[in-house]
Amino acid sequence: MPNENAWSVITAPTSKSLILGVDFPAAGRREAGFEDLAEKMGPAWAGHGFLQTTPPPVRLADRPAGDYYTDFWLRDGDWDAYEVVAVLGYCVGGVYAGEIAERLAQRQGTAPKVILFDAQVTDLQLLESEIHKMIGLAGPVFTADEAEHARKRAAEIVGTPSIGLLDAAVEIVGLYREMASIAFQRIGLAEARRDEVVRLFESYMTWLSAASQIDPSRAWGGSLSITSSDYAELERGGAATVVNATKSLGRRIELEIGHVDLLRDPSTVRTLLDSAEF
């Protein structure tokens, strides 16, 4: 088996065939994940093992290059004993999925299918949006003035002339810690729990920042891309993380599903059964 420190097993392989899912899984998130998709696919994928990426233990201060993640996922394990037939990528995970598929094509001699779900690329505005998301999830925990301060500070960070994406991510994490400290103190949760949440957020910011150093356009050109109604709305609104991604996508199938449910909706399952044989 591939390195168990780099991959979690969604479905144990019963043959030499593997499907890989590239995502940043986090407990308690609202969005469906690859575990939901595997459950919905049921017997259709029963002949394949299904593995999902585990983020490496790396910090923003380490300033990892994009290929650091791919090296971590592919460097150890008995890859020669398996054939990867498909690499699936969710959101920014699609960037890494493309690079993984290209490396595996060279290694195993056959190219895995690349299947993307609401594929995005990273930019400064994506980092800023994570602060807006935090404020929205916190609800009434923050006062109106505190929420406005956080939004303004996030905009100032990403609007700093010539700021690099990694430097912006460091400052966004600092702002996140500041706001988390207010929230956790207000609702009476321990600092240790706050630190755990901030470390997870930093890990996610590191994942996003490193992905910005990868050009996925070649791998994405031959991909199957499945997109949600929310994704289409972001595209119409000119969101750069989506607009820039769509320039490189291969065959695209748009579904009338919200982003949150994309990996668990029956119409996604039908689309995969009809359009993604392997």
C-alpha atoms as a PDB file:
ATOM      1  CA  MET A   1       0.000   0.000   0.000  1.00  0.00           C
ATOM      2  CA  PRO A   2       1.054   3.614  -0.462  1.00  0.00           C
ATOM      3  CA  ASN A   3       2.404   5.417   2.601  1.00  0.00           C
ATOM      4  CA  GLU A   4      -0.283   5.322   5.314  1.00  0.00           C
ATOM      5  CA  ASN A   5       1.026   8.613   6.742  1.00  0.00           C
ATOM      6  CA  ALA A   6       0.194  10.341   3.460  1.00  0.00           C
ATOM      7  CA  TRP A   7      -3.113   8.652   2.601  1.00  0.00           C
ATOM      8  CA  SER A   8      -6.235   7.693   4.492  1.00  0.00           C
ATOM      9  CA  VAL A   9      -8.211   4.681   3.307  1.00  0.00           C
ATOM     10  CA  ILE A  10     -11.808   5.380   2.343  1.00  0.00           C
ATOM     11  CA  THR A  11     -12.275   1.973   0.719  1.00  0.00           C
ATOM     12  CA  ALA A  12      -9.633  -0.725   1.080  1.00  0.00           C
ATOM     13  CA  PRO A  13      -8.431  -2.100  -2.263  1.00  0.00           C
ATOM     14  CA  THR A  14      -9.705  -5.542  -3.217  1.00  0.00           C
ATOM     15  CA  SER A  15      -7.693  -5.478  -6.436  1.00  0.00           C
ATOM     16  CA  LYS A  16      -4.701  -3.636  -7.875  1.00  0.00           C
ATOM     17  CA  SER A  17      -6.852  -0.689  -8.970  1.00  0.00           C
ATOM     18  CA  LEU A  18      -6.876   2.594  -7.043  1.00  0.00           C
ATOM     19  CA  ILE A  19      -8.818   5.847  -7.115  1.00  0.00           C
ATOM     20  CA  LEU A  20      -7.181   8.809  -5.390  1.00  0.00           C
ATOM     21  CA  GLY A  21      -9.055  11.762  -3.915  1.00  0.00           C
ATOM     22  CA  VAL A  22      -7.220  15.037  -3.314  1.00  0.00           C
ATOM     23  CA  ASP A  23      -8.873  17.249  -0.734  1.00  0.00           C
ATOM     24  CA  PHE A  24      -8.198  19.033   2.537  1.00  0.00           C
ATOM     25  CA  PRO A  25     -10.538  17.116   4.840  1.00  0.00           C
ATOM     26  CA  ALA A  26     -11.496  18.709   8.137  1.00  0.00           C
ATOM     27  CA  ALA A  27     -13.807  17.407  10.834  1.00  0.00           C
ATOM     28  CA  GLY A  28     -17.134  19.178  11.036  1.00  0.00           C
ATOM     29  CA  ARG A  29     -17.032  20.957   7.694  1.00  0.00           C
ATOM     30  CA  ARG A  30     -20.361  21.485   5.939  1.00  0.00           C
ATOM     31  CA  GLU A  31     -19.184  20.444   2.469  1.00  0.00           C
ATOM     32  CA  ALA A  32     -19.540  16.815   1.463  1.00  0.00           C
ATOM     33  CA  GLY A  33     -16.263  14.974   0.962  1.00  0.00           C
ATOM     34  CA  PHE A  34     -14.924  11.974  -0.879  1.00  0.00           C
ATOM     35  CA  GLU A  35     -16.163   9.614   1.830  1.00  0.00           C
ATOM     36  CA  ASP A  36     -19.695  10.760   0.978  1.00  0.00           C
ATOM     37  CA  LEU A  37     -19.037  10.257  -2.721  1.00  0.00           C
ATOM     38  CA  ALA A  38     -17.644   6.761  -2.231  1.00  0.00           C
ATOM     39  CA  GLU A  39     -20.698   5.796  -0.198  1.00  0.00           C
ATOM     40  CA  LYS A  40     -23.033   7.110  -2.896  1.00  0.00           C
ATOM     41  CA  MET A  41     -21.146   5.357  -5.704  1.00  0.00           C
ATOM     42  CA  GLY A  42     -21.548   2.061  -3.857  1.00  0.00           C
ATOM     43  CA  PRO A  43     -20.998  -1.060  -5.984  1.00  0.00           C
ATOM     44  CA  ALA A  44     -20.050   0.974  -9.069  1.00  0.00           C
ATOM     45  CA  TRP A  45     -16.610   1.557  -7.555  1.00  0.00           C
ATOM     46  CA  ALA A  46     -16.434  -1.625  -5.489  1.00  0.00           C
ATOM     47  CA  GLY A  47     -13.583  -2.981  -7.585  1.00  0.00           C
ATOM     48  CA  HIS A  48     -11.291  -0.078  -6.730  1.00  0.00           C
ATOM     49  CA  GLY A  49      -9.548   0.989  -3.583  1.00  0.00           C
ATOM     50  CA  PHE A  50     -10.220   4.629  -2.724  1.00  0.00           C
ATOM     51  CA  LEU A  51      -7.575   6.663  -0.906  1.00  0.00           C
ATOM     52  CA  GLN A  52      -7.640  10.296   0.191  1.00  0.00           C
ATOM     53  CA  THR A  53      -4.788  12.694   0.814  1.00  0.00           C
ATOM     54  CA  THR A  54      -3.622  13.477   4.327  1.00  0.00           C
ATOM     55  CA  PRO A  55      -2.010  16.957   4.563  1.00  0.00           C
ATOM     56  CA  PRO A  56       1.682  16.812   5.489  1.00  0.00           C
ATOM     57  CA  PRO A  57       2.891  18.330   8.778  1.00  0.00           C
ATOM     58  CA  VAL A  58       4.239  21.555   7.287  1.00  0.00           C
ATOM     59  CA  ARG A  59       3.933  25.163   8.488  1.00  0.00           C
ATOM     60  CA  LEU A  60       3.726  28.457   6.639  1.00  0.00           C
ATOM     61  CA  ALA A  61       7.143  29.364   8.070  1.00  0.00           C
ATOM     62  CA  ASP A  62       8.572  26.441   6.076  1.00  0.00           C
ATOM     63  CA  ARG A  63       7.367  28.122   2.848  1.00  0.00           C
ATOM     64  CA  PRO A  64       6.836  24.827   1.020  1.00  0.00           C
ATOM     65  CA  ALA A  65       6.934  24.730  -2.763  1.00  0.00           C
ATOM     66  CA  GLY A  66       3.946  23.281  -4.576  1.00  0.00           C
ATOM     67  CA  ASP A  67       5.701  20.021  -5.341  1.00  0.00           C
ATOM     68  CA  TYR A  68       6.405  19.488  -1.631  1.00  0.00           C
ATOM     69  CA  TYR A  69       2.895  18.120  -1.244  1.00  0.00           C
ATOM     70  CA  THR A  70       3.087  15.893  -4.291  1.00  0.00           C
ATOM     71  CA  ASP A  71       6.459  14.538  -3.171  1.00  0.00           C
ATOM     72  CA  PHE A  72       5.010  13.770   0.254  1.00  0.00           C
ATOM     73  CA  TRP A  73       2.074  11.841  -1.199  1.00  0.00           C
ATOM     74  CA  LEU A  74       4.004   9.873  -3.808  1.00  0.00           C
ATOM     75  CA  ARG A  75       7.476   9.268  -2.447  1.00  0.00           C
ATOM     76  CA  ASP A  76       6.862   6.185  -0.260  1.00  0.00           C
ATOM     77  CA  GLY A  77       4.821   3.026  -0.531  1.00  0.00           C
ATOM     78  CA  ASP A  78       4.375   0.139  -2.921  1.00  0.00           C
ATOM     79  CA  TRP A  79       3.007   2.153  -5.842  1.00  0.00           C
ATOM     80  CA  ASP A  80       4.332  -0.326  -8.403  1.00  0.00           C
ATOM     81  CA  ALA A  81       1.907  -2.949  -7.118  1.00  0.00           C
ATOM     82  CA  TYR A  82      -1.111  -0.828  -8.102  1.00  0.00           C
ATOM     83  CA  GLU A  83      -2.569   1.044 -11.030  1.00  0.00           C
ATOM     84  CA  VAL A  84      -4.185   4.391 -10.306  1.00  0.00           C
ATOM     85  CA  VAL A  85      -7.117   4.684 -12.704  1.00  0.00           C
ATOM     86  CA  ALA A  86      -8.424   8.079 -11.597  1.00  0.00           C
ATOM     87  CA  VAL A  87      -7.332  11.090  -9.561  1.00  0.00           C
ATOM     88  CA  LEU A  88     -10.157  13.228  -8.206  1.00  0.00           C
ATOM     89  CA  GLY A  89      -9.688  16.782  -7.007  1.00  0.00           C
ATOM     90  CA  TYR A  90     -12.044  18.957  -4.974  1.00  0.00           C
ATOM     91  CA  CYS A  91     -11.711  22.759  -5.179  1.00  0.00           C
ATOM     92  CA  VAL A  92      -8.015  23.704  -4.897  1.00  0.00           C
ATOM     93  CA  GLY A  93      -7.295  20.000  -4.453  1.00  0.00           C
ATOM     94  CA  GLY A  94      -7.776  19.806  -8.214  1.00  0.00           C
ATOM     95  CA  VAL A  95      -4.499  21.668  -8.685  1.00  0.00           C
ATOM     96  CA  TYR A  96      -2.606  18.943  -6.851  1.00  0.00           C
ATOM     97  CA  ALA A  97      -4.704  16.218  -8.519  1.00  0.00           C
ATOM     98  CA  GLY A  98      -3.442  17.289 -11.913  1.00  0.00           C
ATOM     99  CA  GLU A  99       0.199  17.133 -10.857  1.00  0.00           C
ATOM    100  CA  ILE A 100      -0.277  13.754  -9.161  1.00  0.00           C
ATOM    101  CA  ALA A 101      -1.896  12.344 -12.307  1.00  0.00           C
ATOM    102  CA  GLU A 102       0.953  13.563 -14.513  1.00  0.00           C
ATOM    103  CA  ARG A 103       3.593  12.008 -12.272  1.00  0.00           C
ATOM    104  CA  LEU A 104       1.724   8.720 -12.070  1.00  0.00           C
ATOM    105  CA  ALA A 105       1.322   8.629 -15.860  1.00  0.00           C
ATOM    106  CA  GLN A 106       5.110   8.687 -16.178  1.00  0.00           C
ATOM    107  CA  ARG A 107       5.564   6.084 -13.466  1.00  0.00           C
ATOM    108  CA  GLN A 108       2.921   3.521 -14.446  1.00  0.00           C
ATOM    109  CA  GLY A 109       2.811   4.120 -18.208  1.00  0.00           C
ATOM    110  CA  THR A 110      -0.927   4.807 -18.313  1.00  0.00           C
ATOM    111  CA  ALA A 111      -2.529   8.134 -17.530  1.00  0.00           C
ATOM    112  CA  PRO A 112      -5.155   8.207 -14.779  1.00  0.00           C
ATOM    113  CA  LYS A 113      -8.351  10.071 -15.529  1.00  0.00           C
ATOM    114  CA  VAL A 114      -8.490  13.498 -13.905  1.00  0.00           C
ATOM    115  CA  ILE A 115     -11.905  14.379 -12.484  1.00  0.00           C
ATOM    116  CA  LEU A 116     -12.402  17.789 -10.927  1.00  0.00           C
ATOM    117  CA  PHE A 117     -15.168  19.084  -8.688  1.00  0.00           C
ATOM    118  CA  ASP A 118     -15.579  22.886  -8.563  1.00  0.00           C
ATOM    119  CA  ALA A 119     -11.913  23.319  -9.422  1.00  0.00           C
ATOM    120  CA  GLN A 120     -10.312  26.544  -8.244  1.00  0.00           C
ATOM    121  CA  VAL A 121      -6.893  28.138  -8.229  1.00  0.00           C
ATOM    122  CA  THR A 122      -5.481  30.187  -5.362  1.00  0.00           C
ATOM    123  CA  ASP A 123      -5.196  33.965  -5.267  1.00  0.00           C
ATOM    124  CA  LEU A 124      -5.133  36.677  -2.627  1.00  0.00           C
ATOM    125  CA  GLN A 125      -8.895  37.112  -2.682  1.00  0.00           C
ATOM    126  CA  LEU A 126      -9.358  33.441  -1.828  1.00  0.00           C
ATOM    127  CA  LEU A 127      -7.298  33.974   1.316  1.00  0.00           C
ATOM    128  CA  GLU A 128      -9.373  37.036   2.200  1.00  0.00           C
ATOM    129  CA  SER A 129     -12.595  35.087   1.700  1.00  0.00           C
ATOM    130  CA  GLU A 130     -11.628  32.686   4.504  1.00  0.00           C
ATOM    131  CA  ILE A 131     -11.890  35.534   7.017  1.00  0.00           C
ATOM    132  CA  HIS A 132     -15.337  36.408   5.675  1.00  0.00           C
ATOM    133  CA  LYS A 133     -16.290  32.753   6.040  1.00  0.00           C
ATOM    134  CA  MET A 134     -15.090  32.704   9.649  1.00  0.00           C
ATOM    135  CA  ILE A 135     -17.146  35.801  10.481  1.00  0.00           C
ATOM    136  CA  GLY A 136     -20.215  34.278   8.864  1.00  0.00           C
ATOM    137  CA  LEU A 137     -19.872  31.015  10.775  1.00  0.00           C
ATOM    138  CA  ALA A 138     -19.307  32.833  14.072  1.00  0.00           C
ATOM    139  CA  GLY A 139     -22.645  34.617  13.776  1.00  0.00           C
ATOM    140  CA  PRO A 140     -23.409  36.823  16.797  1.00  0.00           C
ATOM    141  CA  VAL A 141     -20.194  35.935  18.649  1.00  0.00           C
ATOM    142  CA  PHE A 142     -18.546  39.051  17.177  1.00  0.00           C
ATOM    143  CA  THR A 143     -19.953  42.528  17.510  1.00  0.00           C
ATOM    144  CA  ALA A 144     -20.660  44.449  14.320  1.00  0.00           C
ATOM    145  CA  ASP A 145     -17.556  46.587  14.935  1.00  0.00           C
ATOM    146  CA  GLU A 146     -15.343  43.520  15.463  1.00  0.00           C
ATOM    147  CA  ALA A 147     -16.633  41.870  12.296  1.00  0.00           C
ATOM    148  CA  GLU A 148     -16.091  45.049  10.301  1.00  0.00           C
ATOM    149  CA  HIS A 149     -12.565  45.404  11.716  1.00  0.00           C
ATOM    150  CA  ALA A 150     -11.707  41.867  10.573  1.00  0.00           C
ATOM    151  CA  ARG A 151     -13.119  42.410   7.093  1.00  0.00           C
ATOM    152  CA  LYS A 152     -11.252  45.698   6.678  1.00  0.00           C
ATOM    153  CA  ARG A 153      -7.992  44.251   7.988  1.00  0.00           C
ATOM    154  CA  ALA A 154      -8.234  41.257   5.629  1.00  0.00           C
ATOM    155  CA  ALA A 155      -8.819  43.622   2.688  1.00  0.00           C
ATOM    156  CA  GLU A 156      -5.815  45.718   3.752  1.00  0.00           C
ATOM    157  CA  ILE A 157      -3.599  42.635   3.928  1.00  0.00           C
ATOM    158  CA  VAL A 158      -4.393  41.353   0.445  1.00  0.00           C
ATOM    159  CA  GLY A 159      -4.388  44.903  -0.924  1.00  0.00           C
ATOM    160  CA  THR A 160      -0.847  45.610   0.250  1.00  0.00           C
ATOM    161  CA  PRO A 161       1.170  46.557  -2.859  1.00  0.00           C
ATOM    162  CA  SER A 162       3.462  43.767  -4.085  1.00  0.00           C
ATOM    163  CA  ILE A 163       2.622  41.440  -1.191  1.00  0.00           C
ATOM    164  CA  GLY A 164       3.387  37.809  -1.933  1.00  0.00           C
ATOM    165  CA  LEU A 165       0.790  35.148  -1.413  1.00  0.00           C
ATOM    166  CA  LEU A 166       2.740  33.393   1.317  1.00  0.00           C
ATOM    167  CA  ASP A 167       3.354  36.649   3.194  1.00  0.00           C
ATOM    168  CA  ALA A 168      -0.332  37.482   2.922  1.00  0.00           C
ATOM    169  CA  ALA A 169      -1.223  34.029   4.235  1.00  0.00           C
ATOM    170  CA  VAL A 170       0.981  34.584   7.298  1.00  0.00           C
ATOM    171  CA  GLU A 171      -0.843  37.824   8.079  1.00  0.00           C
ATOM    172  CA  ILE A 172      -4.256  36.285   7.438  1.00  0.00           C
ATOM    173  CA  VAL A 173      -3.420  33.537   9.943  1.00  0.00           C
ATOM    174  CA  GLY A 174      -2.421  36.200  12.467  1.00  0.00           C
ATOM    175  CA  LEU A 175      -5.765  37.933  11.965  1.00  0.00           C
ATOM    176  CA  TYR A 176      -7.569  34.627  12.281  1.00  0.00           C
ATOM    177  CA  ARG A 177      -5.808  33.972  15.604  1.00  0.00           C
ATOM    178  CA  GLU A 178      -6.795  37.435  16.850  1.00  0.00           C
ATOM    179  CA  MET A 179     -10.453  36.831  16.023  1.00  0.00           C
ATOM    180  CA  ALA A 180     -10.411  33.261  17.323  1.00  0.00           C
ATOM    181  CA  SER A 181      -9.001  34.506  20.634  1.00  0.00           C
ATOM    182  CA  ILE A 182     -11.947  36.899  21.000  1.00  0.00           C
ATOM    183  CA  ALA A 183     -14.460  34.212  20.093  1.00  0.00           C
ATOM    184  CA  PHE A 184     -13.044  31.456  22.294  1.00  0.00           C
ATOM    185  CA  GLN A 185     -12.727  33.729  25.321  1.00  0.00           C
ATOM    186  CA  ARG A 186     -16.273  34.963  24.831  1.00  0.00           C
ATOM    187  CA  ILE A 187     -17.824  31.504  24.657  1.00  0.00           C
ATOM    188  CA  GLY A 188     -15.590  30.072  27.381  1.00  0.00           C
ATOM    189  CA  LEU A 189     -13.485  27.587  25.437  1.00  0.00           C
ATOM    190  CA  ALA A 190      -9.914  26.717  26.407  1.00  0.00           C
ATOM    191  CA  GLU A 191      -6.890  28.331  24.763  1.00  0.00           C
ATOM    192  CA  ALA A 192      -5.572  24.881  23.910  1.00  0.00           C
ATOM    193  CA  ARG A 193      -8.641  24.288  21.751  1.00  0.00           C
ATOM    194  CA  ARG A 194      -8.167  27.693  20.127  1.00  0.00           C
ATOM    195  CA  ASP A 195      -4.573  26.844  19.293  1.00  0.00           C
ATOM    196  CA  GLU A 196      -5.686  23.563  17.727  1.00  0.00           C
ATOM    197  CA  VAL A 197      -8.201  25.380  15.519  1.00  0.00           C
ATOM    198  CA  VAL A 198      -5.641  27.999  14.487  1.00  0.00           C
ATOM    199  CA  ARG A 199      -3.088  25.313  13.600  1.00  0.00           C
ATOM    200  CA  LEU A 200      -5.669  23.644  11.366  1.00  0.00           C
ATOM    201  CA  PHE A 201      -6.383  26.965   9.684  1.00  0.00           C
ATOM    202  CA  GLU A 202      -2.663  27.580   9.186  1.00  0.00           C
ATOM    203  CA  SER A 203      -2.322  24.137   7.630  1.00  0.00           C
ATOM    204  CA  TYR A 204      -5.104  25.015   5.210  1.00  0.00           C
ATOM    205  CA  MET A 205      -3.491  28.365   4.353  1.00  0.00           C
ATOM    206  CA  THR A 206      -0.230  26.531   3.682  1.00  0.00           C
ATOM    207  CA  TRP A 207      -2.062  24.102   1.372  1.00  0.00           C
ATOM    208  CA  LEU A 208      -3.640  26.999  -0.542  1.00  0.00           C
ATOM    209  CA  SER A 209      -0.396  28.962  -0.776  1.00  0.00           C
ATOM    210  CA  ALA A 210       1.675  26.071  -2.084  1.00  0.00           C
ATOM    211  CA  ALA A 211      -0.972  25.269  -4.704  1.00  0.00           C
ATOM    212  CA  SER A 212      -0.511  28.753  -6.179  1.00  0.00           C
ATOM    213  CA  GLN A 213       2.955  27.672  -7.344  1.00  0.00           C
ATOM    214  CA  ILE A 214       1.596  24.858  -9.559  1.00  0.00           C
ATOM    215  CA  ASP A 215       0.354  25.353 -13.114  1.00  0.00           C
ATOM    216  CA  PRO A 216      -2.399  22.740 -13.590  1.00  0.00           C
ATOM    217  CA  SER A 217      -3.387  23.773 -17.122  1.00  0.00           C
ATOM    218  CA  ARG A 218      -1.825  20.841 -18.988  1.00  0.00           C
ATOM    219  CA  ALA A 219      -3.356  18.161 -16.746  1.00  0.00           C
ATOM    220  CA  TRP A 220      -6.680  19.962 -16.584  1.00  0.00           C
ATOM    221  CA  GLY A 221      -6.971  20.150 -20.358  1.00  0.00           C
ATOM    222  CA  GLY A 222      -7.933  16.485 -20.546  1.00  0.00           C
ATOM    223  CA  SER A 223     -10.041  16.472 -17.405  1.00  0.00           C
ATOM    224  CA  LEU A 224     -13.695  15.896 -16.706  1.00  0.00           C
ATOM    225  CA  SER A 225     -14.925  18.833 -14.666  1.00  0.00           C
ATOM    226  CA  ILE A 226     -18.159  18.695 -12.672  1.00  0.00           C
ATOM    227  CA  THR A 227     -19.347  22.038 -11.358  1.00  0.00           C
ATOM    228  CA  SER A 228     -22.100  23.270  -9.066  1.00  0.00           C
ATOM    229  CA  SER A 229     -24.610  26.091  -9.416  1.00  0.00           C
ATOM    230  CA  ASP A 230     -22.635  28.082  -6.832  1.00  0.00           C
ATOM    231  CA  TYR A 231     -19.535  27.706  -8.971  1.00  0.00           C
ATOM    232  CA  ALA A 232     -21.394  29.017 -12.014  1.00  0.00           C
ATOM    233  CA  GLU A 233     -22.587  31.986  -9.974  1.00  0.00           C
ATOM    234  CA  LEU A 234     -19.022  32.798  -8.902  1.00  0.00           C
ATOM    235  CA  GLU A 235     -17.941  32.569 -12.537  1.00  0.00           C
ATOM    236  CA  ARG A 236     -20.671  34.976 -13.637  1.00  0.00           C
ATOM    237  CA  GLY A 237     -19.628  37.326 -10.835  1.00  0.00           C
ATOM    238  CA  GLY A 238     -16.052  37.375 -12.084  1.00  0.00           C
ATOM    239  CA  ALA A 239     -14.404  35.565  -9.148  1.00  0.00           C
ATOM    240  CA  ALA A 240     -10.813  35.202 -10.336  1.00  0.00           C
ATOM    241  CA  THR A 241     -10.195  31.871  -8.581  1.00  0.00           C
ATOM    242  CA  VAL A 242     -12.983  30.371 -10.684  1.00  0.00           C
ATOM    243  CA  VAL A 243     -12.640  32.382 -13.907  1.00  0.00           C
ATOM    244  CA  ASN A 244      -8.930  31.588 -14.151  1.00  0.00           C
ATOM    245  CA  ALA A 245      -9.596  27.921 -13.436  1.00  0.00           C
ATOM    246  CA  THR A 246     -12.240  27.576 -16.151  1.00  0.00           C
ATOM    247  CA  LYS A 247      -9.738  28.692 -18.799  1.00  0.00           C
ATOM    248  CA  SER A 248      -7.937  25.365 -18.409  1.00  0.00           C
ATOM    249  CA  LEU A 249     -10.793  22.924 -17.824  1.00  0.00           C
ATOM    250  CA  GLY A 250     -11.489  20.125 -20.259  1.00  0.00           C
ATOM    251  CA  ARG A 251     -14.968  18.701 -20.641  1.00  0.00           C
ATOM    252  CA  ARG A 252     -17.276  20.453 -18.206  1.00  0.00           C
ATOM    253  CA  ILE A 253     -20.646  19.310 -16.918  1.00  0.00           C
ATOM    254  CA  GLU A 254     -22.673  21.845 -14.944  1.00  0.00           C
ATOM    255  CA  LEU A 255     -25.149  20.558 -12.369  1.00  0.00           C
ATOM    256  CA  GLU A 256     -27.933  22.325 -10.502  1.00  0.00           C
ATOM    257  CA  ILE A 257     -26.489  21.450  -7.107  1.00  0.00           C
ATOM    258  CA  GLY A 258     -25.094  23.659  -4.383  1.00  0.00           C
ATOM    259  CA  HIS A 259     -21.362  23.449  -3.753  1.00  0.00           C
ATOM    260  CA  VAL A 260     -21.929  21.998  -0.282  1.00  0.00           C
ATOM    261  CA  ASP A 261     -23.724  18.942  -1.696  1.00  0.00           C
ATOM    262  CA  LEU A 262     -21.695  18.375  -4.863  1.00  0.00           C
ATOM    263  CA  LEU A 263     -19.983  15.214  -3.598  1.00  0.00           C
ATOM    264  CA  ARG A 264     -23.116  13.605  -2.207  1.00  0.00           C
ATOM    265  CA  ASP A 265     -25.899  14.465  -4.655  1.00  0.00           C
ATOM    266  CA  PRO A 266     -27.450  11.678  -6.798  1.00  0.00           C
ATOM    267  CA  SER A 267     -26.989  13.739  -9.964  1.00  0.00           C
ATOM    268  CA  THR A 268     -23.223  13.727  -9.392  1.00  0.00           C
ATOM    269  CA  VAL A 269     -23.328   9.947  -9.125  1.00  0.00           C
ATOM    270  CA  ARG A 270     -25.313   9.694 -12.363  1.00  0.00           C
ATOM    271  CA  THR A 271     -22.857  12.001 -14.114  1.00  0.00           C
ATOM    272  CA  LEU A 272     -19.909   9.889 -13.046  1.00  0.00           C
ATOM    273  CA  LEU A 273     -21.613   6.667 -14.100  1.00  0.00           C
ATOM    274  CA  ASP A 274     -22.426   8.137 -17.514  1.00  0.00           C
ATOM    275  CA  SER A 275     -19.207  10.027 -18.198  1.00  0.00           C
ATOM    276  CA  ALA A 276     -16.284   8.539 -16.236  1.00  0.00           C
ATOM    277  CA  GLU A 277     -15.653   4.905 -17.007  1.00  0.00           C
ATOM    278  CA  PHE A 278     -12.513   3.297 -15.594  1.00  0.00           C
END
